[in-house]
Amino acid sequence: MTGVSIGVLLREAATRLHAAGIEAPLREARLLLGHAAGLGQTTLIGWPERMVDSAIADRFEVLVERRLAREPVARILGRREFWSLDFTVTPATLDPRPETETVIEAVLAQLPDRQAALGLADFGTGTGCILLALLRELPRARGIGIDRSEAAVRVAVANASALGVAGRAGFVVGDWAAAISGGVDLAVSNPPYIPTAEIARTDPEVASWDPAAALDGGADGLDAYRRLAPEFARILRPGGLTAFETGAGQADAVAGLCRQSGLQPVEIRADLAGIARVVVARKTDFTKITVGNRGSPV
């Protein structure tokens, strides 16, 4: 194939992706063509008449076929934008989702002084996206990311270096909070929360491509929270903050687990879709309940 324009390639690919039930097919086609051709999105949008050679068209076709097989774009590209930062993604890591950015928003809303020298811990760190995004927003903070997967930890280390925060981020292969003795100002986690029986019914991009250990939350999806809530209460300093990402319909139960562990819920924050997504709590005898943007009192 020779002399094919960007516009023709994108239209044909978007039509096929749409027919396969892919949301935002034109956007995804542009991402794939940009990867295949080494071209930026501005060029693809502004110069649809530009011709590409057959080698590029063939590479693009391979990528489109992979997407039609429901391999996520982030897996194909090997990267994902999160909090306007670029993260490497591999088969060892969960693909960061936009709704997880709600964790960052909820934490920052509770921190009056972003220049404070805080100690952070992120459990089930995966790509490191939550920890590293927070470190970019908190220039004097230092943090540790823990994951049971050595391969995931290697990815997080590389992401920390690429984002310029390696000097303030450490990573440990370990089982939840067992590697930390205490003295943490902020503990965050996006743990596995999909009930075991429901994993097979999730989108193919999730069920077939995300690591099973990062998805399976046990029979009711709450196993990790039962383990982490008392551990967070143990390692947090008085007044320390915790933020859990939760699945749809789980926020109240997670808030209850926090209370049982001696943590006072201060906010349940919804994501952009209106789903209660993040439970924020403090380790303190009495905490004034606050309401953040898109948040609700507990």
C-alpha atoms as a PDB file:
ATOM      1  CA  MET A   1       0.000   0.000   0.000  1.00  0.00           C
ATOM      2  CA  THR A   2       1.455   3.362  -1.008  1.00  0.00           C
ATOM      3  CA  GLY A   3       0.300   6.928  -0.970  1.00  0.00           C
ATOM      4  CA  VAL A   4      -2.305   6.586   1.793  1.00  0.00           C
ATOM      5  CA  SER A   5      -3.366   9.753   3.569  1.00  0.00           C
ATOM      6  CA  ILE A   6      -3.619  10.180   7.312  1.00  0.00           C
ATOM      7  CA  GLY A   7      -7.284  11.086   6.957  1.00  0.00           C
ATOM      8  CA  VAL A   8      -8.172   7.918   5.049  1.00  0.00           C
ATOM      9  CA  LEU A   9      -6.312   5.675   7.486  1.00  0.00           C
ATOM     10  CA  LEU A  10      -7.978   7.290  10.472  1.00  0.00           C
ATOM     11  CA  ARG A  11     -11.493   7.168   9.014  1.00  0.00           C
ATOM     12  CA  GLU A  12     -11.236   3.515   8.069  1.00  0.00           C
ATOM     13  CA  ALA A  13      -9.735   2.515  11.403  1.00  0.00           C
ATOM     14  CA  ALA A  14     -12.268   4.539  13.415  1.00  0.00           C
ATOM     15  CA  THR A  15     -15.129   2.888  11.516  1.00  0.00           C
ATOM     16  CA  ARG A  16     -13.815  -0.571  12.365  1.00  0.00           C
ATOM     17  CA  LEU A  17     -13.195   0.317  16.005  1.00  0.00           C
ATOM     18  CA  HIS A  18     -16.656   1.811  16.351  1.00  0.00           C
ATOM     19  CA  ALA A  19     -18.213  -1.345  14.885  1.00  0.00           C
ATOM     20  CA  ALA A  20     -16.335  -3.375  17.502  1.00  0.00           C
ATOM     21  CA  GLY A  21     -17.855  -1.315  20.303  1.00  0.00           C
ATOM     22  CA  ILE A  22     -14.746   0.712  21.141  1.00  0.00           C
ATOM     23  CA  GLU A  23     -15.528   4.042  22.773  1.00  0.00           C
ATOM     24  CA  ALA A  24     -13.873   7.163  21.306  1.00  0.00           C
ATOM     25  CA  PRO A  25     -12.748   5.257  18.194  1.00  0.00           C
ATOM     26  CA  LEU A  26     -11.282   8.255  16.357  1.00  0.00           C
ATOM     27  CA  ARG A  27      -9.240   9.327  19.371  1.00  0.00           C
ATOM     28  CA  GLU A  28      -7.889   5.815  19.780  1.00  0.00           C
ATOM     29  CA  ALA A  29      -7.131   5.544  16.063  1.00  0.00           C
ATOM     30  CA  ARG A  30      -5.105   8.762  16.296  1.00  0.00           C
ATOM     31  CA  LEU A  31      -3.122   7.431  19.257  1.00  0.00           C
ATOM     32  CA  LEU A  32      -2.326   4.238  17.402  1.00  0.00           C
ATOM     33  CA  LEU A  33      -1.368   5.995  14.170  1.00  0.00           C
ATOM     34  CA  GLY A  34       0.769   8.462  16.072  1.00  0.00           C
ATOM     35  CA  HIS A  35       2.616   5.532  17.636  1.00  0.00           C
ATOM     36  CA  ALA A  36       3.027   3.739  14.313  1.00  0.00           C
ATOM     37  CA  ALA A  37       4.181   6.842  12.423  1.00  0.00           C
ATOM     38  CA  GLY A  38       6.066   8.703  15.136  1.00  0.00           C
ATOM     39  CA  LEU A  39       3.818  11.708  14.621  1.00  0.00           C
ATOM     40  CA  GLY A  40       2.244  14.016  17.203  1.00  0.00           C
ATOM     41  CA  GLN A  41      -1.485  14.433  17.641  1.00  0.00           C
ATOM     42  CA  THR A  42      -1.316  18.013  16.330  1.00  0.00           C
ATOM     43  CA  THR A  43       0.013  16.752  13.002  1.00  0.00           C
ATOM     44  CA  LEU A  44      -2.584  14.005  12.759  1.00  0.00           C
ATOM     45  CA  ILE A  45      -5.428  16.437  13.417  1.00  0.00           C
ATOM     46  CA  GLY A  46      -4.128  19.360  11.394  1.00  0.00           C
ATOM     47  CA  TRP A  47      -2.759  17.578   8.334  1.00  0.00           C
ATOM     48  CA  PRO A  48      -5.187  14.792   7.338  1.00  0.00           C
ATOM     49  CA  GLU A  49      -4.056  15.071   3.716  1.00  0.00           C
ATOM     50  CA  ARG A  50      -0.462  14.168   4.600  1.00  0.00           C
ATOM     51  CA  MET A  51       0.594  10.920   2.922  1.00  0.00           C
ATOM     52  CA  VAL A  52       2.268   8.041   4.745  1.00  0.00           C
ATOM     53  CA  ASP A  53       4.178   5.158   3.238  1.00  0.00           C
ATOM     54  CA  SER A  54       3.172   1.508   3.170  1.00  0.00           C
ATOM     55  CA  ALA A  55       5.472   0.543   6.051  1.00  0.00           C
ATOM     56  CA  ILE A  56       3.687   2.950   8.374  1.00  0.00           C
ATOM     57  CA  ALA A  57       0.283   1.839   7.109  1.00  0.00           C
ATOM     58  CA  ASP A  58       1.222  -1.788   7.760  1.00  0.00           C
ATOM     59  CA  ARG A  59       2.445  -1.041  11.285  1.00  0.00           C
ATOM     60  CA  PHE A  60      -0.759   0.858  11.950  1.00  0.00           C
ATOM     61  CA  GLU A  61      -2.860  -2.076  10.739  1.00  0.00           C
ATOM     62  CA  VAL A  62      -1.127  -4.404  13.189  1.00  0.00           C
ATOM     63  CA  LEU A  63      -1.928  -2.034  16.041  1.00  0.00           C
ATOM     64  CA  VAL A  64      -5.553  -1.657  14.965  1.00  0.00           C
ATOM     65  CA  GLU A  65      -5.940  -5.436  14.884  1.00  0.00           C
ATOM     66  CA  ARG A  66      -4.575  -5.650  18.409  1.00  0.00           C
ATOM     67  CA  ARG A  67      -7.092  -3.055  19.585  1.00  0.00           C
ATOM     68  CA  LEU A  68      -9.915  -4.885  17.818  1.00  0.00           C
ATOM     69  CA  ALA A  69      -8.913  -7.899  19.911  1.00  0.00           C
ATOM     70  CA  ARG A  70      -9.630  -5.612  22.927  1.00  0.00           C
ATOM     71  CA  GLU A  71      -6.048  -5.098  23.967  1.00  0.00           C
ATOM     72  CA  PRO A  72      -6.100  -1.709  25.728  1.00  0.00           C
ATOM     73  CA  VAL A  73      -4.425   1.210  23.993  1.00  0.00           C
ATOM     74  CA  ALA A  74      -2.150   1.753  26.990  1.00  0.00           C
ATOM     75  CA  ARG A  75      -0.921  -1.839  26.691  1.00  0.00           C
ATOM     76  CA  ILE A  76      -0.262  -1.384  22.982  1.00  0.00           C
ATOM     77  CA  LEU A  77       1.572   1.905  23.465  1.00  0.00           C
ATOM     78  CA  GLY A  78       3.284   0.798  26.677  1.00  0.00           C
ATOM     79  CA  ARG A  79       2.361   4.049  28.403  1.00  0.00           C
ATOM     80  CA  ARG A  80      -0.547   5.875  29.995  1.00  0.00           C
ATOM     81  CA  GLU A  81      -1.124   9.542  30.824  1.00  0.00           C
ATOM     82  CA  PHE A  82      -2.158  10.002  34.442  1.00  0.00           C
ATOM     83  CA  TRP A  83      -2.457  13.363  36.222  1.00  0.00           C
ATOM     84  CA  SER A  84      -0.933  14.897  33.044  1.00  0.00           C
ATOM     85  CA  LEU A  85       2.185  12.762  33.584  1.00  0.00           C
ATOM     86  CA  ASP A  86       3.475   9.975  31.343  1.00  0.00           C
ATOM     87  CA  PHE A  87       3.756   6.520  32.937  1.00  0.00           C
ATOM     88  CA  THR A  88       5.235   3.334  31.544  1.00  0.00           C
ATOM     89  CA  VAL A  89       2.742   0.445  31.706  1.00  0.00           C
ATOM     90  CA  THR A  90       3.647  -3.242  31.413  1.00  0.00           C
ATOM     91  CA  PRO A  91       1.795  -6.552  31.814  1.00  0.00           C
ATOM     92  CA  ALA A  92       2.985  -6.561  35.446  1.00  0.00           C
ATOM     93  CA  THR A  93       1.048  -3.416  36.350  1.00  0.00           C
ATOM     94  CA  LEU A  94      -2.527  -2.250  36.536  1.00  0.00           C
ATOM     95  CA  ASP A  95      -3.401   0.181  33.763  1.00  0.00           C
ATOM     96  CA  PRO A  96      -4.011   3.485  35.612  1.00  0.00           C
ATOM     97  CA  ARG A  97      -7.575   4.719  35.158  1.00  0.00           C
ATOM     98  CA  PRO A  98      -8.805   8.328  35.067  1.00  0.00           C
ATOM     99  CA  GLU A  99     -11.001   7.714  38.112  1.00  0.00           C
ATOM    100  CA  THR A 100      -7.898   7.007  40.192  1.00  0.00           C
ATOM    101  CA  GLU A 101      -6.968  10.673  39.788  1.00  0.00           C
ATOM    102  CA  THR A 102      -9.772  11.266  42.302  1.00  0.00           C
ATOM    103  CA  VAL A 103      -7.394   9.916  44.965  1.00  0.00           C
ATOM    104  CA  ILE A 104      -4.915  12.700  44.163  1.00  0.00           C
ATOM    105  CA  GLU A 105      -7.659  15.342  44.249  1.00  0.00           C
ATOM    106  CA  ALA A 106      -9.018  14.094  47.573  1.00  0.00           C
ATOM    107  CA  VAL A 107      -5.605  14.031  49.247  1.00  0.00           C
ATOM    108  CA  LEU A 108      -4.585  17.488  48.046  1.00  0.00           C
ATOM    109  CA  ALA A 109      -7.899  18.934  49.224  1.00  0.00           C
ATOM    110  CA  GLN A 110      -7.036  17.822  52.754  1.00  0.00           C
ATOM    111  CA  LEU A 111      -3.497  19.260  52.800  1.00  0.00           C
ATOM    112  CA  PRO A 112      -3.412  22.976  53.660  1.00  0.00           C
ATOM    113  CA  ASP A 113       0.374  23.175  53.272  1.00  0.00           C
ATOM    114  CA  ARG A 114       1.765  21.518  50.159  1.00  0.00           C
ATOM    115  CA  GLN A 115       5.276  22.574  51.192  1.00  0.00           C
ATOM    116  CA  ALA A 116       5.218  20.365  54.287  1.00  0.00           C
ATOM    117  CA  ALA A 117       7.889  17.663  54.603  1.00  0.00           C
ATOM    118  CA  LEU A 118       5.471  14.742  54.660  1.00  0.00           C
ATOM    119  CA  GLY A 119       6.146  11.014  54.683  1.00  0.00           C
ATOM    120  CA  LEU A 120       3.979   9.083  52.197  1.00  0.00           C
ATOM    121  CA  ALA A 121       3.285   5.397  51.644  1.00  0.00           C
ATOM    122  CA  ASP A 122       1.454   3.816  48.700  1.00  0.00           C
ATOM    123  CA  PHE A 123       0.305   0.205  48.991  1.00  0.00           C
ATOM    124  CA  GLY A 124      -0.082  -1.859  45.847  1.00  0.00           C
ATOM    125  CA  THR A 125       1.843   0.833  44.008  1.00  0.00           C
ATOM    126  CA  GLY A 126       1.890  -0.801  40.556  1.00  0.00           C
ATOM    127  CA  THR A 127       3.193   1.821  38.128  1.00  0.00           C
ATOM    128  CA  GLY A 128       3.683   4.165  41.088  1.00  0.00           C
ATOM    129  CA  CYS A 129       1.135   6.558  39.584  1.00  0.00           C
ATOM    130  CA  ILE A 130      -0.525   7.653  42.838  1.00  0.00           C
ATOM    131  CA  LEU A 131       2.684   8.071  44.826  1.00  0.00           C
ATOM    132  CA  LEU A 132       4.612   9.790  42.043  1.00  0.00           C
ATOM    133  CA  ALA A 133       1.775  12.170  41.142  1.00  0.00           C
ATOM    134  CA  LEU A 134       1.580  13.200  44.796  1.00  0.00           C
ATOM    135  CA  LEU A 135       5.329  13.696  45.017  1.00  0.00           C
ATOM    136  CA  ARG A 136       5.163  15.992  42.006  1.00  0.00           C
ATOM    137  CA  GLU A 137       2.515  18.067  43.807  1.00  0.00           C
ATOM    138  CA  LEU A 138       4.281  17.971  47.198  1.00  0.00           C
ATOM    139  CA  PRO A 139       7.850  19.117  46.541  1.00  0.00           C
ATOM    140  CA  ARG A 140       9.186  18.447  50.053  1.00  0.00           C
ATOM    141  CA  ALA A 141       7.468  15.111  50.581  1.00  0.00           C
ATOM    142  CA  ARG A 142       9.194  11.739  50.444  1.00  0.00           C
ATOM    143  CA  GLY A 143       7.472   8.448  49.837  1.00  0.00           C
ATOM    144  CA  ILE A 144       7.677   4.692  49.630  1.00  0.00           C
ATOM    145  CA  GLY A 145       5.731   2.415  47.307  1.00  0.00           C
ATOM    146  CA  ILE A 146       5.073  -1.209  48.209  1.00  0.00           C
ATOM    147  CA  ASP A 147       3.999  -3.979  45.857  1.00  0.00           C
ATOM    148  CA  ARG A 148       4.093  -7.763  46.017  1.00  0.00           C
ATOM    149  CA  SER A 149       5.240  -7.897  42.385  1.00  0.00           C
ATOM    150  CA  GLU A 150       8.954  -7.413  41.813  1.00  0.00           C
ATOM    151  CA  ALA A 151       8.251  -6.719  38.140  1.00  0.00           C
ATOM    152  CA  ALA A 152       5.789  -3.970  39.057  1.00  0.00           C
ATOM    153  CA  VAL A 153       8.296  -2.404  41.438  1.00  0.00           C
ATOM    154  CA  ARG A 154      10.869  -2.250  38.638  1.00  0.00           C
ATOM    155  CA  VAL A 155       8.333  -0.348  36.515  1.00  0.00           C
ATOM    156  CA  ALA A 156       7.615   2.087  39.374  1.00  0.00           C
ATOM    157  CA  VAL A 157      11.342   2.705  39.875  1.00  0.00           C
ATOM    158  CA  ALA A 158      11.730   3.541  36.182  1.00  0.00           C
ATOM    159  CA  ASN A 159       8.718   5.856  36.285  1.00  0.00           C
ATOM    160  CA  ALA A 160      10.097   7.672  39.329  1.00  0.00           C
ATOM    161  CA  SER A 161      13.353   8.282  37.474  1.00  0.00           C
ATOM    162  CA  ALA A 162      11.588   9.462  34.310  1.00  0.00           C
ATOM    163  CA  LEU A 163       9.452  11.902  36.307  1.00  0.00           C
ATOM    164  CA  GLY A 164      12.396  13.364  38.187  1.00  0.00           C
ATOM    165  CA  VAL A 165      11.405  12.264  41.698  1.00  0.00           C
ATOM    166  CA  ALA A 166      13.633   9.223  42.158  1.00  0.00           C
ATOM    167  CA  GLY A 167      15.540  11.015  44.924  1.00  0.00           C
ATOM    168  CA  ARG A 168      12.366  11.266  47.002  1.00  0.00           C
ATOM    169  CA  ALA A 169      10.781   7.902  46.186  1.00  0.00           C
ATOM    170  CA  GLY A 170      11.736   4.447  47.394  1.00  0.00           C
ATOM    171  CA  PHE A 171      10.137   1.131  46.502  1.00  0.00           C
ATOM    172  CA  VAL A 172       9.900  -2.186  48.315  1.00  0.00           C
ATOM    173  CA  VAL A 173       8.739  -5.640  47.294  1.00  0.00           C
ATOM    174  CA  GLY A 174       6.510  -6.671  50.174  1.00  0.00           C
ATOM    175  CA  ASP A 175       3.113  -7.700  51.490  1.00  0.00           C
ATOM    176  CA  TRP A 176       1.051  -4.607  52.234  1.00  0.00           C
ATOM    177  CA  ALA A 177       2.279  -2.714  55.324  1.00  0.00           C
ATOM    178  CA  ALA A 178       4.503  -5.460  56.763  1.00  0.00           C
ATOM    179  CA  ALA A 179       7.615  -3.605  55.581  1.00  0.00           C
ATOM    180  CA  ILE A 180       6.762  -0.370  57.443  1.00  0.00           C
ATOM    181  CA  SER A 181       7.043   0.094  61.187  1.00  0.00           C
ATOM    182  CA  GLY A 182       5.274   3.441  61.421  1.00  0.00           C
ATOM    183  CA  GLY A 183       5.652   7.196  61.302  1.00  0.00           C
ATOM    184  CA  VAL A 184       3.761   7.896  58.077  1.00  0.00           C
ATOM    185  CA  ASP A 185       1.823  11.123  57.483  1.00  0.00           C
ATOM    186  CA  LEU A 186      -0.153   9.860  54.497  1.00  0.00           C
ATOM    187  CA  ALA A 187      -1.076   6.318  53.440  1.00  0.00           C
ATOM    188  CA  VAL A 188      -2.866   5.692  50.148  1.00  0.00           C
ATOM    189  CA  SER A 189      -3.991   2.644  48.245  1.00  0.00           C
ATOM    190  CA  ASN A 190      -5.889   1.553  45.172  1.00  0.00           C
ATOM    191  CA  PRO A 191      -6.192  -2.092  46.254  1.00  0.00           C
ATOM    192  CA  PRO A 192      -7.872  -4.951  44.400  1.00  0.00           C
ATOM    193  CA  TYR A 193     -11.606  -4.484  44.935  1.00  0.00           C
ATOM    194  CA  ILE A 194     -13.523  -6.450  42.305  1.00  0.00           C
ATOM    195  CA  PRO A 195     -15.440  -9.380  43.832  1.00  0.00           C
ATOM    196  CA  THR A 196     -13.919 -12.617  42.563  1.00  0.00           C
ATOM    197  CA  ALA A 197     -17.062 -13.807  40.788  1.00  0.00           C
ATOM    198  CA  GLU A 198     -17.434 -10.506  38.929  1.00  0.00           C
ATOM    199  CA  ILE A 199     -13.969 -10.340  37.352  1.00  0.00           C
ATOM    200  CA  ALA A 200     -14.965 -12.454  34.367  1.00  0.00           C
ATOM    201  CA  ARG A 201     -17.883 -10.086  33.715  1.00  0.00           C
ATOM    202  CA  THR A 202     -15.762  -6.938  33.542  1.00  0.00           C
ATOM    203  CA  ASP A 203     -14.707  -5.405  30.235  1.00  0.00           C
ATOM    204  CA  PRO A 204     -12.232  -7.546  28.255  1.00  0.00           C
ATOM    205  CA  GLU A 205      -9.673  -4.744  28.571  1.00  0.00           C
ATOM    206  CA  VAL A 206      -9.729  -5.384  32.328  1.00  0.00           C
ATOM    207  CA  ALA A 207     -10.398  -9.101  32.713  1.00  0.00           C
ATOM    208  CA  SER A 208      -7.951 -10.210  30.018  1.00  0.00           C
ATOM    209  CA  TRP A 209      -5.133  -7.711  30.445  1.00  0.00           C
ATOM    210  CA  ASP A 210      -4.832  -6.384  34.003  1.00  0.00           C
ATOM    211  CA  PRO A 211      -2.929  -8.593  36.490  1.00  0.00           C
ATOM    212  CA  ALA A 212      -5.397 -10.812  38.348  1.00  0.00           C
ATOM    213  CA  ALA A 213      -3.765 -10.007  41.685  1.00  0.00           C
ATOM    214  CA  ALA A 214      -4.509  -6.311  41.126  1.00  0.00           C
ATOM    215  CA  LEU A 215      -8.213  -7.016  40.540  1.00  0.00           C
ATOM    216  CA  ASP A 216      -9.354  -9.789  42.878  1.00  0.00           C
ATOM    217  CA  GLY A 217     -10.782  -8.360  46.099  1.00  0.00           C
ATOM    218  CA  GLY A 218     -12.178 -11.621  47.423  1.00  0.00           C
ATOM    219  CA  ALA A 219     -15.774 -12.765  47.704  1.00  0.00           C
ATOM    220  CA  ASP A 220     -17.195  -9.305  48.441  1.00  0.00           C
ATOM    221  CA  GLY A 221     -14.335  -7.181  47.102  1.00  0.00           C
ATOM    222  CA  LEU A 222     -13.347  -5.936  50.570  1.00  0.00           C
ATOM    223  CA  ASP A 223     -10.554  -8.331  51.597  1.00  0.00           C
ATOM    224  CA  ALA A 224      -7.751  -5.809  51.053  1.00  0.00           C
ATOM    225  CA  TYR A 225      -9.539  -3.086  53.026  1.00  0.00           C
ATOM    226  CA  ARG A 226     -10.005  -5.427  55.987  1.00  0.00           C
ATOM    227  CA  ARG A 227      -6.284  -5.994  55.961  1.00  0.00           C
ATOM    228  CA  LEU A 228      -5.177  -2.437  55.257  1.00  0.00           C
ATOM    229  CA  ALA A 229      -7.438  -0.348  57.513  1.00  0.00           C
ATOM    230  CA  PRO A 230      -5.931  -1.624  60.800  1.00  0.00           C
ATOM    231  CA  GLU A 231      -2.448  -1.519  59.272  1.00  0.00           C
ATOM    232  CA  PHE A 232      -2.924   2.108  58.290  1.00  0.00           C
ATOM    233  CA  ALA A 233      -4.129   2.898  61.804  1.00  0.00           C
ATOM    234  CA  ARG A 234      -0.909   1.331  63.095  1.00  0.00           C
ATOM    235  CA  ILE A 235       1.559   3.143  60.834  1.00  0.00           C
ATOM    236  CA  LEU A 236      -0.045   6.599  60.644  1.00  0.00           C
ATOM    237  CA  ARG A 237       1.134   9.376  62.912  1.00  0.00           C
ATOM    238  CA  PRO A 238      -1.581  11.102  64.997  1.00  0.00           C
ATOM    239  CA  GLY A 239      -3.483  13.324  62.589  1.00  0.00           C
ATOM    240  CA  GLY A 240      -2.199  11.305  59.646  1.00  0.00           C
ATOM    241  CA  LEU A 241      -4.340  10.937  56.553  1.00  0.00           C
ATOM    242  CA  THR A 242      -5.381   7.918  54.537  1.00  0.00           C
ATOM    243  CA  ALA A 243      -7.168   7.665  51.202  1.00  0.00           C
ATOM    244  CA  PHE A 244      -8.604   4.472  49.716  1.00  0.00           C
ATOM    245  CA  GLU A 245      -9.890   4.105  46.184  1.00  0.00           C
ATOM    246  CA  THR A 246     -13.063   2.003  46.237  1.00  0.00           C
ATOM    247  CA  GLY A 247     -15.280   0.253  43.744  1.00  0.00           C
ATOM    248  CA  ALA A 248     -18.849   1.271  42.995  1.00  0.00           C
ATOM    249  CA  GLY A 249     -21.069   0.783  46.037  1.00  0.00           C
ATOM    250  CA  GLN A 250     -18.186   0.043  48.420  1.00  0.00           C
ATOM    251  CA  ALA A 251     -17.441   3.445  49.962  1.00  0.00           C
ATOM    252  CA  ASP A 252     -19.772   3.152  52.961  1.00  0.00           C
ATOM    253  CA  ALA A 253     -18.451  -0.302  53.843  1.00  0.00           C
ATOM    254  CA  VAL A 254     -14.849   0.906  53.597  1.00  0.00           C
ATOM    255  CA  ALA A 255     -15.653   3.928  55.756  1.00  0.00           C
ATOM    256  CA  GLY A 256     -17.073   1.506  58.316  1.00  0.00           C
ATOM    257  CA  LEU A 257     -13.878  -0.569  58.261  1.00  0.00           C
ATOM    258  CA  CYS A 258     -11.901   2.617  58.855  1.00  0.00           C
ATOM    259  CA  ARG A 259     -14.025   3.441  61.907  1.00  0.00           C
ATOM    260  CA  GLN A 260     -13.589  -0.065  63.297  1.00  0.00           C
ATOM    261  CA  SER A 261      -9.825   0.382  63.017  1.00  0.00           C
ATOM    262  CA  GLY A 262      -9.771   3.731  64.817  1.00  0.00           C
ATOM    263  CA  LEU A 263      -9.640   5.947  61.742  1.00  0.00           C
ATOM    264  CA  GLN A 264     -12.169   8.771  61.449  1.00  0.00           C
ATOM    265  CA  PRO A 265     -13.671   9.121  57.944  1.00  0.00           C
ATOM    266  CA  VAL A 266     -13.711  12.763  56.884  1.00  0.00           C
ATOM    267  CA  GLU A 267     -14.858  12.613  53.265  1.00  0.00           C
ATOM    268  CA  ILE A 268     -16.249  10.345  50.594  1.00  0.00           C
ATOM    269  CA  ARG A 269     -15.351  11.841  47.247  1.00  0.00           C
ATOM    270  CA  ALA A 270     -17.072  11.040  43.964  1.00  0.00           C
ATOM    271  CA  ASP A 271     -15.315  10.746  40.619  1.00  0.00           C
ATOM    272  CA  LEU A 272     -16.400  12.600  37.493  1.00  0.00           C
ATOM    273  CA  ALA A 273     -19.018   9.950  36.782  1.00  0.00           C
ATOM    274  CA  GLY A 274     -20.626  10.618  40.170  1.00  0.00           C
ATOM    275  CA  ILE A 275     -19.514   7.303  41.672  1.00  0.00           C
ATOM    276  CA  ALA A 276     -18.333   7.420  45.292  1.00  0.00           C
ATOM    277  CA  ARG A 277     -14.699   6.618  44.571  1.00  0.00           C
ATOM    278  CA  VAL A 278     -12.436   7.631  47.465  1.00  0.00           C
ATOM    279  CA  VAL A 279     -12.743   7.294  51.237  1.00  0.00           C
ATOM    280  CA  VAL A 280     -10.549   9.729  53.171  1.00  0.00           C
ATOM    281  CA  ALA A 281      -9.935   9.232  56.903  1.00  0.00           C
ATOM    282  CA  ARG A 282      -7.671  10.552  59.657  1.00  0.00           C
ATOM    283  CA  LYS A 283      -5.998   9.013  62.657  1.00  0.00           C
ATOM    284  CA  THR A 284      -7.226  11.258  65.440  1.00  0.00           C
ATOM    285  CA  ASP A 285      -9.549  11.180  68.441  1.00  0.00           C
ATOM    286  CA  PHE A 286     -11.747  13.873  66.947  1.00  0.00           C
ATOM    287  CA  THR A 287     -11.781  15.145  63.390  1.00  0.00           C
ATOM    288  CA  LYS A 288     -13.879  17.936  61.986  1.00  0.00           C
ATOM    289  CA  ILE A 289     -15.809  16.539  59.052  1.00  0.00           C
ATOM    290  CA  THR A 290     -15.047  18.418  55.847  1.00  0.00           C
ATOM    291  CA  VAL A 291     -16.494  18.451  52.386  1.00  0.00           C
ATOM    292  CA  GLY A 292     -14.195  18.810  49.392  1.00  0.00           C
ATOM    293  CA  ASN A 293     -14.981  19.384  45.736  1.00  0.00           C
ATOM    294  CA  ARG A 294     -17.418  16.675  44.627  1.00  0.00           C
ATOM    295  CA  GLY A 295     -17.075  15.261  48.155  1.00  0.00           C
ATOM    296  CA  SER A 296     -19.695  14.453  50.742  1.00  0.00           C
ATOM    297  CA  PRO A 297     -19.578  14.359  54.539  1.00  0.00           C
ATOM    298  CA  VAL A 298     -19.375  10.992  56.211  1.00  0.00           C
END
